[in-house]
Amino acid sequence: MRSSLEIYDLASGRSRVVLQTDAVIEAPNWAPSGDHLLVNGGGRLFRVPLDAPRLVPLDTGHAMRLNNDHGISPDGKWLAISSHRGRGSEIFVMPAAGGTLRLVSPDAPSWWHGWSPDGTRLAYVAARNERRVIDVYTIAVAGGEETRLTWGEGHCDGPDYSPDGAHIYYNCDRDGHAQIWVMGADGSGQRKLFADDHVNWFPHPSPCGRHLLYLAYPPGTTGHPADLPVALVLADTQGANRRRVLEFNGGQGTMNVPNWAPDGSAFAYVRYEAPGR
């Protein structure tokens, strides 16, 4: 078993296994309908029905080199995906049932990370003008001009909207190692929620507005690699009352994108068998 797709229930404090596979699967999203999860693996996208868990391939047209930055629109009708072509990763929008792709990102590389709650804008990260620094951007779902929210202060990644659409949570290493930050949806008021020794990535606020979940790497970790001892940390939306609810082998692919149940009662994640076992 290489990958174990699991769900953690907040009320009971327990996890249950949804599906296990010898393949590498990544980045679970929870559909707004509540009846299935979405994961990627091997460059493809798969639905996982919760009533009969299995990997059901989704038609993504010419996009056959997907990475783990994808997500479902708040109304459940659309998917945003990130897929590699000659320029690097690009963002496309497509019907949730599969089908015709529409390019959204004006340049590459670009990696999707969040839908605004009203379904009109996308939050993503990108590198521009031959620079290696990753910054946070937003763009209308219809396309057009992108809006840059961070300006090369460090590697900024993992943007996800608050349930009311007023704020964007993200991680950034602008003053050392990666920590969790928040800003207005227009980029205003950028501030770090807390500081600790862990390398913290991919903050996801719950739809109910009560919780913030993020991935904590060991101190000294560079980037967001796979196959390390990590923790999933639950906090309130101001970064206080932090507690490590799960610890396992994971990292890249565990929860890169929004992964909460629609009512905020649970979240999905992937743990991995440690290399060499």
Protein backbone atom coordinates (compact mmCIF):
# COMPACT_ATOMS: atom_id res chain seq x y z
CA MET A 1 0.00 0.00 0.00
CA ARG A 2 1.67 3.22 -1.19
CA SER A 3 -1.21 5.68 -0.64
CA SER A 4 -3.99 5.68 1.93
CA LEU A 5 -6.85 8.12 1.34
CA GLU A 6 -8.46 8.85 4.70
CA ILE A 7 -11.05 11.06 6.41
CA TYR A 8 -10.63 12.60 9.86
CA ASP A 9 -13.81 13.33 11.82
CA LEU A 10 -13.50 16.28 14.20
CA ALA A 11 -16.23 15.20 16.61
CA SER A 12 -14.81 11.73 17.27
CA GLY A 13 -11.15 12.59 16.74
CA ARG A 14 -10.79 9.47 14.62
CA SER A 15 -9.78 8.67 11.06
CA ARG A 16 -11.23 6.13 8.68
CA VAL A 17 -9.66 4.68 5.56
CA VAL A 18 -11.57 5.43 2.35
CA LEU A 19 -9.29 3.78 -0.20
CA GLN A 20 -5.80 2.30 -0.38
CA THR A 21 -3.73 1.76 -3.50
CA ASP A 22 -0.20 0.84 -4.57
CA ALA A 23 -0.21 3.93 -6.81
CA VAL A 24 0.63 7.45 -5.68
CA ILE A 25 -2.56 9.53 -5.38
CA GLU A 26 -2.61 13.10 -4.12
CA ALA A 27 -4.49 16.20 -3.04
CA PRO A 28 -8.06 15.22 -2.11
CA ASN A 29 -10.87 17.72 -2.66
CA TRP A 30 -14.31 17.13 -1.15
CA ALA A 31 -17.20 17.80 -3.54
CA PRO A 32 -19.80 20.37 -2.36
CA SER A 33 -22.41 17.63 -2.80
CA GLY A 34 -20.57 15.66 -0.12
CA ASP A 35 -20.78 12.37 -2.03
CA HIS A 36 -17.31 12.06 -3.54
CA LEU A 37 -13.68 13.09 -3.31
CA LEU A 38 -11.40 14.17 -6.14
CA VAL A 39 -7.73 13.11 -6.35
CA ASN A 40 -4.95 13.11 -8.92
CA GLY A 41 -2.42 10.44 -9.79
CA GLY A 42 -0.10 9.69 -12.69
CA GLY A 43 -1.05 12.92 -14.45
CA ARG A 44 -4.78 12.08 -14.40
CA LEU A 45 -7.77 13.08 -12.29
CA PHE A 46 -10.08 10.63 -10.49
CA ARG A 47 -13.38 10.74 -8.61
CA VAL A 48 -13.70 8.59 -5.50
CA PRO A 49 -17.39 7.91 -4.70
CA LEU A 50 -17.79 7.66 -0.93
CA ASP A 51 -20.56 5.06 -1.14
CA ALA A 52 -18.36 2.67 -3.15
CA PRO A 53 -14.78 3.97 -3.04
CA ARG A 54 -12.72 3.38 -6.18
CA LEU A 55 -10.70 5.46 -8.62
CA VAL A 56 -13.02 6.60 -11.43
CA PRO A 57 -11.08 8.37 -14.23
CA LEU A 58 -12.32 11.80 -15.26
CA ASP A 59 -12.11 13.06 -18.84
CA THR A 60 -9.72 16.02 -18.83
CA GLY A 61 -9.33 16.30 -22.58
CA HIS A 62 -5.82 17.09 -23.73
CA ALA A 63 -4.68 17.75 -20.15
CA MET A 64 -2.84 14.53 -19.35
CA ARG A 65 -0.05 15.91 -17.17
CA LEU A 66 -2.00 17.17 -14.19
CA ASN A 67 -0.26 18.08 -10.95
CA ASN A 68 -1.85 18.16 -7.50
CA ASP A 69 -3.34 21.65 -7.75
CA HIS A 70 -7.02 21.22 -8.61
CA GLY A 71 -10.40 21.97 -7.08
CA ILE A 72 -14.17 22.08 -7.39
CA SER A 73 -16.19 25.29 -7.69
CA PRO A 74 -18.48 26.20 -4.77
CA ASP A 75 -21.58 25.28 -6.83
CA GLY A 76 -20.04 21.94 -7.84
CA LYS A 77 -20.40 22.64 -11.56
CA TRP A 78 -16.79 23.35 -12.52
CA LEU A 79 -13.27 22.13 -11.93
CA ALA A 80 -10.09 24.14 -11.94
CA ILE A 81 -7.04 22.07 -12.85
CA SER A 82 -3.33 22.69 -13.30
CA SER A 83 -1.62 20.78 -16.08
CA HIS A 84 1.79 20.94 -17.73
CA ARG A 85 2.34 21.91 -21.34
CA GLY A 86 5.39 23.35 -23.09
CA ARG A 87 5.36 26.58 -21.05
CA GLY A 88 4.98 24.79 -17.74
CA SER A 89 1.93 24.41 -15.51
CA GLU A 90 -1.19 26.19 -16.76
CA ILE A 91 -4.64 26.63 -15.18
CA PHE A 92 -7.76 25.42 -16.98
CA VAL A 93 -11.45 25.41 -16.06
CA MET A 94 -13.70 22.57 -17.23
CA PRO A 95 -17.16 21.13 -16.47
CA ALA A 96 -17.18 18.98 -13.32
CA ALA A 97 -18.44 16.01 -15.32
CA GLY A 98 -15.43 16.29 -17.66
CA GLY A 99 -15.10 17.71 -21.12
CA THR A 100 -13.92 20.86 -22.84
CA LEU A 101 -11.05 22.77 -21.27
CA ARG A 102 -10.75 26.55 -21.18
CA LEU A 103 -7.37 28.15 -20.46
CA VAL A 104 -7.59 30.73 -17.66
CA SER A 105 -4.02 31.66 -16.73
CA PRO A 106 -2.50 34.24 -19.08
CA ASP A 107 1.05 32.99 -18.55
CA ALA A 108 2.99 30.05 -17.15
CA PRO A 109 3.97 28.54 -14.85
CA SER A 110 0.76 28.90 -12.80
CA TRP A 111 -0.66 26.58 -10.15
CA TRP A 112 -4.30 26.81 -8.95
CA HIS A 113 -5.12 26.77 -5.22
CA GLY A 114 -8.53 28.25 -4.36
CA TRP A 115 -11.99 29.34 -5.55
CA SER A 116 -13.56 32.46 -4.07
CA PRO A 117 -16.76 31.51 -2.18
CA ASP A 118 -18.92 33.29 -4.77
CA GLY A 119 -17.26 31.28 -7.54
CA THR A 120 -16.08 34.32 -9.51
CA ARG A 121 -12.32 34.34 -8.85
CA LEU A 122 -9.41 31.92 -8.58
CA ALA A 123 -6.42 32.20 -6.26
CA TYR A 124 -3.18 30.72 -7.50
CA VAL A 125 0.59 31.00 -7.41
CA ALA A 126 2.89 31.76 -10.30
CA ALA A 127 6.42 32.66 -11.35
CA ARG A 128 6.73 35.51 -13.83
CA ASN A 129 9.41 37.20 -15.94
CA GLU A 130 11.95 34.40 -15.75
CA ARG A 131 12.02 34.67 -11.96
CA ARG A 132 12.06 31.63 -9.70
CA VAL A 133 10.20 33.41 -6.87
CA ILE A 134 6.62 32.19 -6.42
CA ASP A 135 3.96 34.81 -5.67
CA VAL A 136 0.20 34.81 -5.02
CA TYR A 137 -2.21 36.03 -7.70
CA THR A 138 -5.96 36.09 -8.32
CA ILE A 139 -7.88 36.19 -11.59
CA ALA A 140 -11.51 36.18 -12.70
CA VAL A 141 -12.79 32.71 -13.60
CA ALA A 142 -13.67 34.16 -17.01
CA GLY A 143 -10.00 35.05 -17.48
CA GLY A 144 -8.45 38.41 -18.26
CA GLU A 145 -5.85 40.37 -16.34
CA GLU A 146 -4.30 38.73 -13.29
CA THR A 147 -3.95 40.59 -9.98
CA ARG A 148 -0.68 40.13 -8.12
CA LEU A 149 -0.97 40.11 -4.32
CA THR A 150 2.59 39.40 -3.13
CA TRP A 151 5.73 40.94 -4.55
CA GLY A 152 8.77 38.71 -4.31
CA GLU A 153 9.26 38.95 -0.56
CA GLY A 154 9.87 35.19 -0.46
CA HIS A 155 8.25 31.98 -1.65
CA CYS A 156 4.51 32.48 -1.10
CA ASP A 157 2.24 29.51 -1.78
CA GLY A 158 -0.99 27.66 -1.03
CA PRO A 159 -3.55 30.52 -1.11
CA ASP A 160 -7.07 29.61 0.02
CA TYR A 161 -10.04 31.94 0.59
CA SER A 162 -11.81 32.40 3.92
CA PRO A 163 -15.48 31.28 3.85
CA ASP A 164 -16.70 34.88 3.60
CA GLY A 165 -14.29 35.69 0.77
CA ALA A 166 -12.76 38.61 2.67
CA HIS A 167 -9.35 37.06 3.31
CA ILE A 168 -6.80 34.73 1.75
CA TYR A 169 -4.67 32.42 3.87
CA TYR A 170 -1.28 31.37 2.49
CA ASN A 171 2.19 30.26 3.54
CA CYS A 172 5.35 32.31 3.01
CA ASP A 173 9.02 32.21 4.00
CA ARG A 174 9.58 35.98 3.64
CA ASP A 175 11.19 36.30 7.07
CA GLY A 176 12.80 32.88 7.41
CA HIS A 177 11.12 29.51 6.96
CA ALA A 178 7.55 28.94 5.75
CA GLN A 179 4.87 30.11 8.19
CA ILE A 180 1.12 30.75 7.89
CA TRP A 181 0.01 34.22 6.80
CA VAL A 182 -3.30 35.93 6.04
CA MET A 183 -4.21 38.99 3.97
CA GLY A 184 -7.24 40.75 2.59
CA ALA A 185 -8.55 39.30 -0.65
CA ASP A 186 -7.11 42.40 -2.36
CA GLY A 187 -3.64 41.79 -0.85
CA SER A 188 -3.99 44.33 1.96
CA GLY A 189 -3.02 43.84 5.60
CA GLN A 190 -0.59 40.96 5.17
CA ARG A 191 0.35 39.47 8.54
CA LYS A 192 1.81 36.31 9.98
CA LEU A 193 -0.59 34.43 12.25
CA PHE A 194 2.06 32.93 14.54
CA ALA A 195 5.69 31.82 14.60
CA ASP A 196 7.16 28.44 15.51
CA ASP A 197 10.09 26.24 14.48
CA HIS A 198 8.11 24.03 12.11
CA VAL A 199 7.93 24.58 8.36
CA ASN A 200 4.21 25.20 7.77
CA TRP A 201 2.37 24.88 4.46
CA PHE A 202 -1.07 24.78 2.81
CA PRO A 203 -3.49 26.49 5.23
CA HIS A 204 -7.15 25.60 4.63
CA PRO A 205 -9.95 27.36 6.56
CA SER A 206 -13.02 25.24 7.21
CA PRO A 207 -16.29 26.12 5.42
CA CYS A 208 -17.95 26.68 8.80
CA GLY A 209 -15.44 29.43 9.60
CA ARG A 210 -14.29 27.91 12.90
CA HIS A 211 -11.08 26.12 12.03
CA LEU A 212 -7.81 26.43 10.16
CA LEU A 213 -5.95 23.30 9.08
CA TYR A 214 -2.35 23.24 7.87
CA LEU A 215 0.55 20.87 7.19
CA ALA A 216 3.60 21.07 9.48
CA TYR A 217 6.98 19.79 8.31
CA PRO A 218 9.98 19.17 10.58
CA PRO A 219 12.19 22.19 11.32
CA GLY A 220 14.77 22.78 8.60
CA THR A 221 12.70 21.31 5.75
CA THR A 222 13.23 22.99 2.39
CA GLY A 223 10.16 23.36 0.18
CA HIS A 224 7.28 20.90 0.51
CA PRO A 225 8.76 17.48 -0.29
CA ALA A 226 7.12 14.07 -0.10
CA ASP A 227 7.84 11.27 2.34
CA LEU A 228 8.69 13.03 5.57
CA PRO A 229 7.25 12.79 9.08
CA VAL A 230 4.59 15.51 9.05
CA ALA A 231 1.68 16.64 11.19
CA LEU A 232 -1.75 18.02 10.41
CA VAL A 233 -2.38 20.91 12.78
CA LEU A 234 -5.78 22.32 13.66
CA ALA A 235 -6.10 25.91 14.91
CA ASP A 236 -8.69 28.63 15.08
CA THR A 237 -8.80 31.10 12.20
CA GLN A 238 -6.40 33.48 13.98
CA GLY A 239 -3.79 30.74 14.36
CA ALA A 240 -4.35 30.25 18.10
CA ASN A 241 -5.21 27.06 20.01
CA ARG A 242 -3.01 24.95 17.73
CA ARG A 243 -3.02 21.19 18.20
CA ARG A 244 -1.41 18.40 16.19
CA VAL A 245 -4.31 16.09 15.40
CA LEU A 246 -2.43 13.60 13.18
CA GLU A 247 1.19 12.58 12.62
CA PHE A 248 2.33 10.27 9.81
CA ASN A 249 4.55 9.91 6.73
CA GLY A 250 3.40 12.42 4.15
CA GLY A 251 4.02 15.88 2.74
CA GLN A 252 3.64 16.68 -0.94
CA GLY A 253 0.23 15.32 -1.94
CA THR A 254 -1.18 15.01 1.57
CA MET A 255 -3.41 18.12 1.38
CA ASN A 256 -2.12 20.62 -1.16
CA VAL A 257 -5.61 21.97 -1.94
CA PRO A 258 -8.94 22.58 -0.12
CA ASN A 259 -9.93 19.30 1.55
CA TRP A 260 -12.75 20.04 4.01
CA ALA A 261 -16.17 18.39 4.07
CA PRO A 262 -18.87 20.89 3.00
CA ASP A 263 -20.13 21.30 6.58
CA GLY A 264 -16.67 21.57 8.14
CA SER A 265 -17.14 18.43 10.24
CA ALA A 266 -14.29 16.45 8.68
CA PHE A 267 -11.39 16.67 6.25
CA ALA A 268 -9.71 14.33 3.77
CA TYR A 269 -5.99 13.68 3.44
CA VAL A 270 -3.50 11.15 2.06
CA ARG A 271 -0.86 9.37 4.09
CA TYR A 272 1.96 7.43 2.43
CA GLU A 273 3.90 4.32 3.16
CA ALA A 274 7.41 5.32 4.15
CA PRO A 275 10.10 4.59 1.49
CA GLY A 276 11.88 1.29 1.91
CA ARG A 277 9.06 -0.41 3.79
